[in-house]
PDB file of N, CA and C in Angstrom:
ATOM      1  N   MET A   1       0.895  -1.429   0.393  1.00  0.00           N
ATOM      2  CA  MET A   1       0.333  -0.117  -0.007  1.00  0.00           C
ATOM      3  C   MET A   1       0.508   1.262   0.060  1.00  0.00           C
ATOM      4  N   HIS A   2       1.821   1.665  -0.146  1.00  0.00           N
ATOM      5  CA  HIS A   2       2.982   2.238   0.068  1.00  0.00           C
ATOM      6  C   HIS A   2       3.382   2.937  -1.523  1.00  0.00           C
ATOM      7  N   ALA A   3       2.803   2.138  -2.790  1.00  0.00           N
ATOM      8  CA  ALA A   3       2.148   3.221  -3.070  1.00  0.00           C
ATOM      9  C   ALA A   3       1.854   4.319  -4.031  1.00  0.00           C
ATOM     10  N   LEU A   4       1.262   4.228  -2.754  1.00  0.00           N
ATOM     11  CA  LEU A   4       0.293   5.811  -2.752  1.00  0.00           C
ATOM     12  C   LEU A   4       0.096   6.694  -1.424  1.00  0.00           C
ATOM     13  N   SER A   5       0.041   7.886  -1.629  1.00  0.00           N
ATOM     14  CA  SER A   5      -0.464   8.936   0.193  1.00  0.00           C
ATOM     15  C   SER A   5      -1.555   8.015   0.201  1.00  0.00           C
ATOM     16  N   ILE A   6      -1.812   8.581   1.163  1.00  0.00           N
ATOM     17  CA  ILE A   6      -3.012   8.499   2.515  1.00  0.00           C
ATOM     18  C   ILE A   6      -3.752   9.531   0.918  1.00  0.00           C
ATOM     19  N   PRO A   7      -3.233  10.980   1.079  1.00  0.00           N
ATOM     20  CA  PRO A   7      -4.381  11.393   0.038  1.00  0.00           C
ATOM     21  C   PRO A   7      -5.586  10.966  -0.937  1.00  0.00           C
ATOM     22  N   THR A   8      -3.788  10.510  -1.898  1.00  0.00           N
ATOM     23  CA  THR A   8      -4.762   9.973  -3.379  1.00  0.00           C
ATOM     24  C   THR A   8      -5.369   8.931  -2.958  1.00  0.00           C
ATOM     25  N   TRP A   9      -4.697   8.103  -1.908  1.00  0.00           N
ATOM     26  CA  TRP A   9      -5.834   6.836  -1.544  1.00  0.00           C
ATOM     27  C   TRP A   9      -7.571   7.372  -0.988  1.00  0.00           C
ATOM     28  N   ILE A  10      -7.727   8.617  -0.389  1.00  0.00           N
ATOM     29  CA  ILE A  10      -8.673   9.543   0.360  1.00  0.00           C
ATOM     30  C   ILE A  10      -9.501   9.484  -1.782  1.00  0.00           C
ATOM     31  N   ILE A  11      -8.557   9.757  -1.653  1.00  0.00           N
ATOM     32  CA  ILE A  11      -9.813  10.310  -3.313  1.00  0.00           C
ATOM     33  C   ILE A  11      -9.758   8.475  -4.710  1.00  0.00           C
ATOM     34  N   HIS A  12      -9.025   8.157  -3.545  1.00  0.00           N
ATOM     35  CA  HIS A  12      -8.949   7.368  -5.093  1.00  0.00           C
ATOM     36  C   HIS A  12     -10.711   5.910  -4.248  1.00  0.00           C
ATOM     37  N   VAL A  13     -10.526   6.547  -2.882  1.00  0.00           N
ATOM     38  CA  VAL A  13     -11.881   5.800  -2.586  1.00  0.00           C
ATOM     39  C   VAL A  13     -12.730   5.963  -2.944  1.00  0.00           C
ATOM     40  N   SER A  14     -12.448   7.056  -2.596  1.00  0.00           N
ATOM     41  CA  SER A  14     -13.826   8.524  -2.689  1.00  0.00           C
ATOM     42  C   SER A  14     -14.766   7.994  -3.958  1.00  0.00           C
ATOM     43  N   SER A  15     -13.615   8.314  -5.215  1.00  0.00           N
ATOM     44  CA  SER A  15     -14.598   8.502  -6.500  1.00  0.00           C
ATOM     45  C   SER A  15     -15.216   6.659  -6.445  1.00  0.00           C
ATOM     46  N   VAL A  16     -14.160   5.851  -6.466  1.00  0.00           N
ATOM     47  CA  VAL A  16     -15.313   4.796  -6.002  1.00  0.00           C
ATOM     48  C   VAL A  16     -16.237   5.309  -4.966  1.00  0.00           C
ATOM     49  N   LEU A  17     -16.131   5.302  -3.965  1.00  0.00           N
ATOM     50  CA  LEU A  17     -18.286   5.060  -3.535  1.00  0.00           C
ATOM     51  C   LEU A  17     -18.735   6.535  -3.690  1.00  0.00           C
ATOM     52  N   GLU A  18     -18.224   7.689  -4.912  1.00  0.00           N
ATOM     53  CA  GLU A  18     -18.771   8.299  -5.134  1.00  0.00           C
ATOM     54  C   GLU A  18     -20.008   7.768  -6.294  1.00  0.00           C
ATOM     55  N   TRP A  19     -19.522   7.075  -7.452  1.00  0.00           N
ATOM     56  CA  TRP A  19     -19.279   6.004  -8.804  1.00  0.00           C
ATOM     57  C   TRP A  19     -20.501   5.677  -8.625  1.00  0.00           C
ATOM     58  N   THR A  20     -20.256   4.791  -6.940  1.00  0.00           N
ATOM     59  CA  THR A  20     -20.964   3.662  -7.087  1.00  0.00           C
ATOM     60  C   THR A  20     -21.728   3.828  -6.278  1.00  0.00           C
ATOM     61  N   ALA A  21     -22.271   5.913  -5.482  1.00  0.00           N
ATOM     62  CA  ALA A  21     -24.324   6.490  -5.319  1.00  0.00           C
ATOM     63  C   ALA A  21     -24.335   6.871  -6.680  1.00  0.00           C
ATOM     64  N   ALA A  22     -23.578   7.460  -7.319  1.00  0.00           N
ATOM     65  CA  ALA A  22     -24.263   7.812  -8.634  1.00  0.00           C
ATOM     66  C   ALA A  22     -24.523   6.485  -9.505  1.00  0.00           C
ATOM     67  N   ILE A  23     -24.355   5.348 -10.195  1.00  0.00           N
ATOM     68  CA  ILE A  23     -25.042   4.692 -10.629  1.00  0.00           C
ATOM     69  C   ILE A  23     -27.045   4.125  -9.535  1.00  0.00           C
ATOM     70  N   TRP A  24     -26.657   4.496  -8.796  1.00  0.00           N
ATOM     71  CA  TRP A  24     -27.412   4.312  -7.408  1.00  0.00           C
ATOM     72  C   TRP A  24     -29.533   5.261  -7.369  1.00  0.00           C
ATOM     73  N   ILE A  25     -28.219   6.432  -7.607  1.00  0.00           N
ATOM     74  CA  ILE A  25     -29.840   7.772  -8.274  1.00  0.00           C
ATOM     75  C   ILE A  25     -29.504   7.290  -8.843  1.00  0.00           C
ATOM     76  N   ILE A  26     -28.807   7.594 -10.100  1.00  0.00           N
ATOM     77  CA  ILE A  26     -29.455   7.634 -11.103  1.00  0.00           C
ATOM     78  C   ILE A  26     -30.798   6.404 -10.952  1.00  0.00           C
ATOM     79  N   TRP A  27     -30.514   5.196 -11.049  1.00  0.00           N
ATOM     80  CA  TRP A  27     -30.828   3.289 -11.366  1.00  0.00           C
ATOM     81  C   TRP A  27     -32.360   4.204 -10.211  1.00  0.00           C
ATOM     82  N   ARG A  28     -32.312   5.165  -9.589  1.00  0.00           N
ATOM     83  CA  ARG A  28     -33.039   5.493  -8.692  1.00  0.00           C
ATOM     84  C   ARG A  28     -34.082   6.324  -9.353  1.00  0.00           C
ATOM     85  N   TYR A  29     -33.475   6.869 -10.043  1.00  0.00           N
ATOM     86  CA  TYR A  29     -33.848   8.182 -10.333  1.00  0.00           C
ATOM     87  C   TYR A  29     -34.686   7.137 -12.137  1.00  0.00           C
ATOM     88  N   GLY A  30     -34.324   6.490 -12.692  1.00  0.00           N
ATOM     89  CA  GLY A  30     -35.363   5.863 -13.110  1.00  0.00           C
ATOM     90  C   GLY A  30     -36.478   5.489 -12.797  1.00  0.00           C
ATOM     91  N   GLU A  31     -36.612   4.284 -11.979  1.00  0.00           N
ATOM     92  CA  GLU A  31     -37.686   4.635 -10.800  1.00  0.00           C
ATOM     93  C   GLU A  31     -38.395   5.244 -10.713  1.00  0.00           C
ATOM     94  N   VAL A  32     -38.373   6.143  -9.860  1.00  0.00           N
ATOM     95  CA  VAL A  32     -39.259   7.218  -9.502  1.00  0.00           C
ATOM     96  C   VAL A  32     -39.743   8.181 -10.814  1.00  0.00           C
ATOM     97  N   THR A  33     -39.008   8.383 -11.654  1.00  0.00           N
ATOM     98  CA  THR A  33     -39.792   8.728 -13.112  1.00  0.00           C
ATOM     99  C   THR A  33     -40.814   8.062 -14.137  1.00  0.00           C
ATOM    100  N   GLY A  34     -39.910   6.402 -13.575  1.00  0.00           N
ATOM    101  CA  GLY A  34     -40.618   5.550 -14.890  1.00  0.00           C
ATOM    102  C   GLY A  34     -40.483   5.942 -16.161  1.00  0.00           C
ATOM    103  N   ASN A  35     -39.563   5.931 -16.169  1.00  0.00           N
ATOM    104  CA  ASN A  35     -37.745   6.219 -17.763  1.00  0.00           C
ATOM    105  C   ASN A  35     -37.530   5.117 -17.228  1.00  0.00           C
ATOM    106  N   GLU A  36     -37.328   3.994 -18.092  1.00  0.00           N
ATOM    107  CA  GLU A  36     -36.023   2.609 -17.945  1.00  0.00           C
ATOM    108  C   GLU A  36     -35.390   3.065 -19.030  1.00  0.00           C
ATOM    109  N   ALA A  37     -34.942   3.874 -19.192  1.00  0.00           N
ATOM    110  CA  ALA A  37     -34.018   4.951 -20.232  1.00  0.00           C
ATOM    111  C   ALA A  37     -33.121   4.821 -19.336  1.00  0.00           C
ATOM    112  N   TRP A  38     -32.519   5.372 -17.698  1.00  0.00           N
ATOM    113  CA  TRP A  38     -32.442   5.192 -16.954  1.00  0.00           C
ATOM    114  C   TRP A  38     -31.744   4.928 -16.365  1.00  0.00           C
ATOM    115  N   TYR A  39     -32.326   3.411 -16.015  1.00  0.00           N
ATOM    116  CA  TYR A  39     -31.822   2.097 -16.200  1.00  0.00           C
ATOM    117  C   TYR A  39     -30.374   1.829 -16.964  1.00  0.00           C
ATOM    118  N   TRP A  40     -30.473   2.303 -18.469  1.00  0.00           N
ATOM    119  CA  TRP A  40     -29.737   2.285 -18.892  1.00  0.00           C
ATOM    120  C   TRP A  40     -28.225   2.817 -18.801  1.00  0.00           C
ATOM    121  N   LEU A  41     -28.934   3.928 -18.682  1.00  0.00           N
ATOM    122  CA  LEU A  41     -27.710   4.490 -18.129  1.00  0.00           C
ATOM    123  C   LEU A  41     -26.210   4.291 -17.001  1.00  0.00           C
ATOM    124  N   SER A  42     -27.288   3.929 -15.831  1.00  0.00           N
ATOM    125  CA  SER A  42     -26.947   3.273 -14.567  1.00  0.00           C
ATOM    126  C   SER A  42     -25.708   1.593 -14.577  1.00  0.00           C
ATOM    127  N   LEU A  43     -26.534   1.499 -16.134  1.00  0.00           N
ATOM    128  CA  LEU A  43     -25.555  -0.049 -16.484  1.00  0.00           C
ATOM    129  C   LEU A  43     -24.362   0.571 -17.350  1.00  0.00           C
ATOM    130  N   GLY A  44     -24.277   1.293 -17.870  1.00  0.00           N
ATOM    131  CA  GLY A  44     -23.987   1.618 -18.534  1.00  0.00           C
ATOM    132  C   GLY A  44     -22.823   2.535 -17.909  1.00  0.00           C
ATOM    133  N   MET A  45     -22.621   2.695 -16.914  1.00  0.00           N
ATOM    134  CA  MET A  45     -21.935   3.042 -15.884  1.00  0.00           C
ATOM    135  C   MET A  45     -21.046   2.279 -14.533  1.00  0.00           C
ATOM    136  N   LEU A  46     -20.914   1.048 -14.759  1.00  0.00           N
ATOM    137  CA  LEU A  46     -20.701   0.089 -14.507  1.00  0.00           C
ATOM    138  C   LEU A  46     -19.438   0.423 -14.914  1.00  0.00           C
ATOM    139  N   PRO A  47     -18.985  -0.187 -16.331  1.00  0.00           N
ATOM    140  CA  PRO A  47     -17.875  -0.390 -16.582  1.00  0.00           C
ATOM    141  C   PRO A  47     -16.307  -0.187 -15.578  1.00  0.00           C
ATOM    142  N   SER A  48     -16.729   0.874 -15.970  1.00  0.00           N
ATOM    143  CA  SER A  48     -16.355   2.539 -15.866  1.00  0.00           C
ATOM    144  C   SER A  48     -15.877   2.451 -14.161  1.00  0.00           C
ATOM    145  N   LEU A  49     -17.192   1.671 -13.156  1.00  0.00           N
ATOM    146  CA  LEU A  49     -17.146   0.674 -11.611  1.00  0.00           C
ATOM    147  C   LEU A  49     -15.830   0.029 -11.478  1.00  0.00           C
ATOM    148  N   VAL A  50     -16.301  -0.826 -12.365  1.00  0.00           N
ATOM    149  CA  VAL A  50     -14.819  -2.077 -12.544  1.00  0.00           C
ATOM    150  C   VAL A  50     -13.490  -1.126 -12.630  1.00  0.00           C
ATOM    151  N   SER A  51     -13.505  -0.345 -13.763  1.00  0.00           N
ATOM    152  CA  SER A  51     -11.551  -0.113 -14.164  1.00  0.00           C
ATOM    153  C   SER A  51     -11.569   1.111 -13.082  1.00  0.00           C
ATOM    154  N   ALA A  52     -12.394   0.716 -11.913  1.00  0.00           N
ATOM    155  CA  ALA A  52     -11.869   2.027 -11.286  1.00  0.00           C
ATOM    156  C   ALA A  52     -10.891   1.285 -10.034  1.00  0.00           C
ATOM    157  N   MET A  53     -12.280  -0.354  -9.957  1.00  0.00           N
ATOM    158  CA  MET A  53     -11.769  -0.977  -9.357  1.00  0.00           C
ATOM    159  C   MET A  53     -10.585  -1.860  -9.055  1.00  0.00           C
ATOM    160  N   CYS A  54     -10.684  -1.784 -10.482  1.00  0.00           N
ATOM    161  CA  CYS A  54      -8.810  -2.195 -11.512  1.00  0.00           C
ATOM    162  C   CYS A  54      -7.806  -1.747 -11.147  1.00  0.00           C
ATOM    163  N   ALA A  55      -7.527  -0.560 -10.892  1.00  0.00           N
ATOM    164  CA  ALA A  55      -6.870   0.168 -10.289  1.00  0.00           C
ATOM    165  C   ALA A  55      -6.341   0.062  -8.858  1.00  0.00           C
ATOM    166  N   CYS A  56      -7.200   0.349  -8.502  1.00  0.00           N
ATOM    167  CA  CYS A  56      -7.487   0.824  -6.594  1.00  0.00           C
ATOM    168  C   CYS A  56      -6.735  -0.575  -6.297  1.00  0.00           C
ATOM    169  N   THR A  57      -7.021  -1.733  -7.413  1.00  0.00           N
ATOM    170  CA  THR A  57      -6.361  -3.092  -6.521  1.00  0.00           C
ATOM    171  C   THR A  57      -5.279  -3.159  -7.547  1.00  0.00           C
ATOM    172  N   TRP A  58      -4.711  -3.081  -8.212  1.00  0.00           N
ATOM    173  CA  TRP A  58      -3.433  -2.618  -9.048  1.00  0.00           C
ATOM    174  C   TRP A  58      -2.189  -2.230  -7.466  1.00  0.00           C
ATOM    175  N   HIS A  59      -2.848  -0.757  -6.823  1.00  0.00           N
ATOM    176  CA  HIS A  59      -1.635   0.611  -5.755  1.00  0.00           C
ATOM    177  C   HIS A  59      -1.989  -0.073  -5.083  1.00  0.00           C
ATOM    178  N   PHE A  60      -2.722  -0.977  -4.156  1.00  0.00           N
ATOM    179  CA  PHE A  60      -2.950  -2.067  -3.764  1.00  0.00           C
ATOM    180  C   PHE A  60      -2.107  -2.750  -3.151  1.00  0.00           C
ATOM    181  N   PHE A  61      -1.904  -3.388  -4.091  1.00  0.00           N
ATOM    182  CA  PHE A  61      -0.648  -5.001  -3.237  1.00  0.00           C
ATOM    183  C   PHE A  61       0.477  -4.061  -4.369  1.00  0.00           C
ATOM    184  N   ASP A  62       0.375  -2.403  -4.339  1.00  0.00           N
ATOM    185  CA  ASP A  62       1.897  -1.760  -4.301  1.00  0.00           C
ATOM    186  C   ASP A  62       2.433  -2.148  -6.004  1.00  0.00           C
ATOM    187  N   ASN A  63       1.784  -1.476  -6.809  1.00  0.00           N
ATOM    188  CA  ASN A  63       1.297  -2.454  -8.411  1.00  0.00           C
ATOM    189  C   ASN A  63       2.654  -3.510  -9.193  1.00  0.00           C
ATOM    190  N   SER A  64       2.168  -4.228  -7.845  1.00  0.00           N
ATOM    191  CA  SER A  64       2.996  -5.184  -8.099  1.00  0.00           C
ATOM    192  C   SER A  64       2.806  -6.157  -9.700  1.00  0.00           C
ATOM    193  N   VAL A  65       4.141  -5.730 -10.625  1.00  0.00           N
ATOM    194  CA  VAL A  65       3.981  -7.595 -11.917  1.00  0.00           C
ATOM    195  C   VAL A  65       3.308  -8.424 -12.594  1.00  0.00           C
ATOM    196  N   ALA A  66       3.182  -9.476 -11.270  1.00  0.00           N
ATOM    197  CA  ALA A  66       2.074 -10.026 -11.132  1.00  0.00           C
ATOM    198  C   ALA A  66       0.574  -9.532 -11.402  1.00  0.00           C
ATOM    199  N   LEU A  67       0.182  -8.312 -11.118  1.00  0.00           N
ATOM    200  CA  LEU A  67      -1.026  -7.702 -11.226  1.00  0.00           C
ATOM    201  C   LEU A  67      -1.515  -7.273 -12.693  1.00  0.00           C
ATOM    202  N   ASN A  68       0.251  -6.968 -13.714  1.00  0.00           N
ATOM    203  CA  ASN A  68       0.522  -5.682 -14.873  1.00  0.00           C
ATOM    204  C   ASN A  68      -1.436  -6.392 -15.881  1.00  0.00           C
ATOM    205  N   TRP A  69      -1.792  -7.354 -15.105  1.00  0.00           N
ATOM    206  CA  TRP A  69      -2.810  -7.461 -15.957  1.00  0.00           C
ATOM    207  C   TRP A  69      -4.633  -7.078 -16.025  1.00  0.00           C
ATOM    208  N   LEU A  70      -4.270  -5.763 -14.816  1.00  0.00           N
ATOM    209  CA  LEU A  70      -5.370  -5.209 -14.096  1.00  0.00           C
ATOM    210  C   LEU A  70      -5.299  -4.440 -15.137  1.00  0.00           C
ATOM    211  N   VAL A  71      -4.150  -3.460 -15.591  1.00  0.00           N
ATOM    212  CA  VAL A  71      -3.761  -1.803 -16.028  1.00  0.00           C
ATOM    213  C   VAL A  71      -3.843  -2.950 -17.343  1.00  0.00           C
ATOM    214  N   THR A  72      -4.181  -3.822 -17.990  1.00  0.00           N
ATOM    215  CA  THR A  72      -5.024  -4.548 -18.859  1.00  0.00           C
ATOM    216  C   THR A  72      -5.993  -4.326 -18.963  1.00  0.00           C
ATOM    217  N   LEU A  73      -7.238  -5.078 -18.172  1.00  0.00           N
ATOM    218  CA  LEU A  73      -8.568  -5.309 -18.132  1.00  0.00           C
ATOM    219  C   LEU A  73      -9.004  -3.005 -17.289  1.00  0.00           C
ATOM    220  N   GLN A  74      -8.308  -2.514 -16.810  1.00  0.00           N
ATOM    221  CA  GLN A  74      -8.728  -1.348 -15.940  1.00  0.00           C
ATOM    222  C   GLN A  74      -8.906  -0.599 -17.454  1.00  0.00           C
ATOM    223  N   ALA A  75      -7.847  -0.703 -18.388  1.00  0.00           N
ATOM    224  CA  ALA A  75      -7.712  -0.157 -20.052  1.00  0.00           C
ATOM    225  C   ALA A  75      -9.199  -0.235 -20.349  1.00  0.00           C
ATOM    226  N   ALA A  76      -9.174  -1.782 -20.602  1.00  0.00           N
ATOM    227  CA  ALA A  76      -9.957  -1.854 -20.978  1.00  0.00           C
ATOM    228  C   ALA A  76     -11.508  -2.158 -20.570  1.00  0.00           C
ATOM    229  N   MET A  77     -11.927  -1.472 -19.404  1.00  0.00           N
ATOM    230  CA  MET A  77     -13.364  -1.955 -18.574  1.00  0.00           C
ATOM    231  C   MET A  77     -13.231  -0.216 -19.493  1.00  0.00           C
ATOM    232  N   THR A  78     -12.258   0.725 -19.276  1.00  0.00           N
ATOM    233  CA  THR A  78     -12.512   2.345 -19.506  1.00  0.00           C
ATOM    234  C   THR A  78     -13.645   2.165 -20.744  1.00  0.00           C
ATOM    235  N   VAL A  79     -12.405   1.988 -22.350  1.00  0.00           N
ATOM    236  CA  VAL A  79     -13.226   2.012 -23.585  1.00  0.00           C
ATOM    237  C   VAL A  79     -14.353   1.303 -23.027  1.00  0.00           C
ATOM    238  N   LEU A  80     -14.781  -0.073 -23.253  1.00  0.00           N
ATOM    239  CA  LEU A  80     -16.183  -1.032 -22.049  1.00  0.00           C
ATOM    240  C   LEU A  80     -17.140   0.854 -22.438  1.00  0.00           C
ATOM    241  N   GLY A  81     -16.893   0.783 -21.067  1.00  0.00           N
ATOM    242  CA  GLY A  81     -17.734   2.749 -19.922  1.00  0.00           C
ATOM    243  C   GLY A  81     -17.511   3.239 -21.177  1.00  0.00           C
ATOM    244  N   ASN A  82     -16.685   3.970 -21.205  1.00  0.00           N
ATOM    245  CA  ASN A  82     -16.740   4.615 -21.927  1.00  0.00           C
ATOM    246  C   ASN A  82     -18.086   4.946 -23.621  1.00  0.00           C
ATOM    247  N   PHE A  83     -18.540   3.544 -23.958  1.00  0.00           N
ATOM    248  CA  PHE A  83     -19.287   2.965 -25.259  1.00  0.00           C
ATOM    249  C   PHE A  83     -21.098   2.457 -24.549  1.00  0.00           C
ATOM    250  N   THR A  84     -20.699   2.341 -22.999  1.00  0.00           N
ATOM    251  CA  THR A  84     -21.856   1.933 -22.651  1.00  0.00           C
ATOM    252  C   THR A  84     -22.441   3.346 -22.102  1.00  0.00           C
ATOM    253  N   MET A  85     -21.805   4.205 -21.447  1.00  0.00           N
ATOM    254  CA  MET A  85     -22.523   5.484 -20.683  1.00  0.00           C
ATOM    255  C   MET A  85     -22.562   5.694 -22.038  1.00  0.00           C
ATOM    256  N   MET A  86     -22.280   6.082 -23.099  1.00  0.00           N
ATOM    257  CA  MET A  86     -22.915   6.552 -24.322  1.00  0.00           C
ATOM    258  C   MET A  86     -23.691   6.182 -24.857  1.00  0.00           C
ATOM    259  N   GLY A  87     -23.553   4.757 -24.981  1.00  0.00           N
ATOM    260  CA  GLY A  87     -25.240   3.910 -25.495  1.00  0.00           C
ATOM    261  C   GLY A  87     -26.357   4.777 -23.584  1.00  0.00           C
ATOM    262  N   GLY A  88     -26.164   4.533 -22.831  1.00  0.00           N
ATOM    263  CA  GLY A  88     -26.774   4.553 -21.768  1.00  0.00           C
ATOM    264  C   GLY A  88     -28.137   6.496 -21.700  1.00  0.00           C
ATOM    265  N   GLY A  89     -26.918   7.481 -22.692  1.00  0.00           N
ATOM    266  CA  GLY A  89     -27.109   8.578 -22.211  1.00  0.00           C
ATOM    267  C   GLY A  89     -27.947   8.451 -23.960  1.00  0.00           C
ATOM    268  N   TRP A  90     -27.398   8.385 -25.148  1.00  0.00           N
ATOM    269  CA  TRP A  90     -28.358   7.551 -26.180  1.00  0.00           C
ATOM    270  C   TRP A  90     -29.944   7.878 -26.236  1.00  0.00           C
ATOM    271  N   MET A  91     -29.802   6.214 -24.529  1.00  0.00           N
ATOM    272  CA  MET A  91     -31.485   6.001 -24.678  1.00  0.00           C
ATOM    273  C   MET A  91     -31.588   6.965 -24.271  1.00  0.00           C
ATOM    274  N   VAL A  92     -31.522   7.551 -23.343  1.00  0.00           N
ATOM    275  CA  VAL A  92     -31.978   8.327 -22.067  1.00  0.00           C
ATOM    276  C   VAL A  92     -32.487   9.867 -23.215  1.00  0.00           C
ATOM    277  N   TRP A  93     -31.305   9.745 -23.832  1.00  0.00           N
ATOM    278  CA  TRP A  93     -31.902  11.558 -25.037  1.00  0.00           C
ATOM    279  C   TRP A  93     -33.243  10.601 -25.990  1.00  0.00           C
ATOM    280  N   ARG A  94     -33.354   9.480 -26.482  1.00  0.00           N
ATOM    281  CA  ARG A  94     -33.979   9.324 -26.997  1.00  0.00           C
ATOM    282  C   ARG A  94     -35.458   8.679 -26.537  1.00  0.00           C
ATOM    283  N   SER A  95     -35.555   8.938 -25.685  1.00  0.00           N
ATOM    284  CA  SER A  95     -36.464   8.732 -24.173  1.00  0.00           C
ATOM    285  C   SER A  95     -37.426  10.583 -24.350  1.00  0.00           C
ATOM    286  N   ALA A  96     -35.964  11.501 -24.819  1.00  0.00           N
ATOM    287  CA  ALA A  96     -36.670  12.474 -23.963  1.00  0.00           C
ATOM    288  C   ALA A  96     -37.893  13.370 -25.490  1.00  0.00           C
ATOM    289  N   LEU A  97     -37.142  12.591 -26.623  1.00  0.00           N
ATOM    290  CA  LEU A  97     -37.260  12.731 -27.425  1.00  0.00           C
ATOM    291  C   LEU A  97     -38.593  12.417 -28.421  1.00  0.00           C
ATOM    292  N   ALA A  98     -39.026  11.257 -27.486  1.00  0.00           N
ATOM    293  CA  ALA A  98     -40.408  10.082 -27.599  1.00  0.00           C
ATOM    294  C   ALA A  98     -41.587  11.005 -26.619  1.00  0.00           C
ATOM    295  N   GLY A  99     -41.048  11.958 -26.182  1.00  0.00           N
ATOM    296  CA  GLY A  99     -41.966  13.064 -25.278  1.00  0.00           C
ATOM    297  C   GLY A  99     -42.047  12.165 -23.164  1.00  0.00           C
ATOM    298  N   LYS A 100     -41.291  11.048 -23.494  1.00  0.00           N
ATOM    299  CA  LYS A 100     -41.394  10.306 -22.021  1.00  0.00           C
ATOM    300  C   LYS A 100     -40.465  11.754 -20.948  1.00  0.00           C
ATOM    301  N   LYS A 101     -40.638  11.040 -19.923  1.00  0.00           N
ATOM    302  CA  LYS A 101     -40.363  11.368 -18.821  1.00  0.00           C
ATOM    303  C   LYS A 101     -38.808  11.425 -19.253  1.00  0.00           C
ATOM    304  N   ALA A 102     -37.629  12.365 -18.754  1.00  0.00           N
ATOM    305  CA  ALA A 102     -36.203  11.939 -18.648  1.00  0.00           C
ATOM    306  C   ALA A 102     -35.773  12.938 -17.753  1.00  0.00           C
TER     307      ALA A 102
END
């Protein structure tokens, strides 16, 4: 755990917690409004959460060379997350155009 300073760890962990809260809030917003498009956006955020968790795990183990595959997985999840969030955003936009609550 010596790879990062305590303030940097606080930022990393709080970012993961904030992203998790954002996913839950967006899901709840979909429930409250009855607009299922918001579910797609919250699900689209999950690969980015996995990406952040990969980074935290790799740093937790002092950037071990044995866990370099986590860096590759993080990069892949970031790319996938960008596309899935784009898709979720498109679903929200499309539902707004269709006159649904968004």
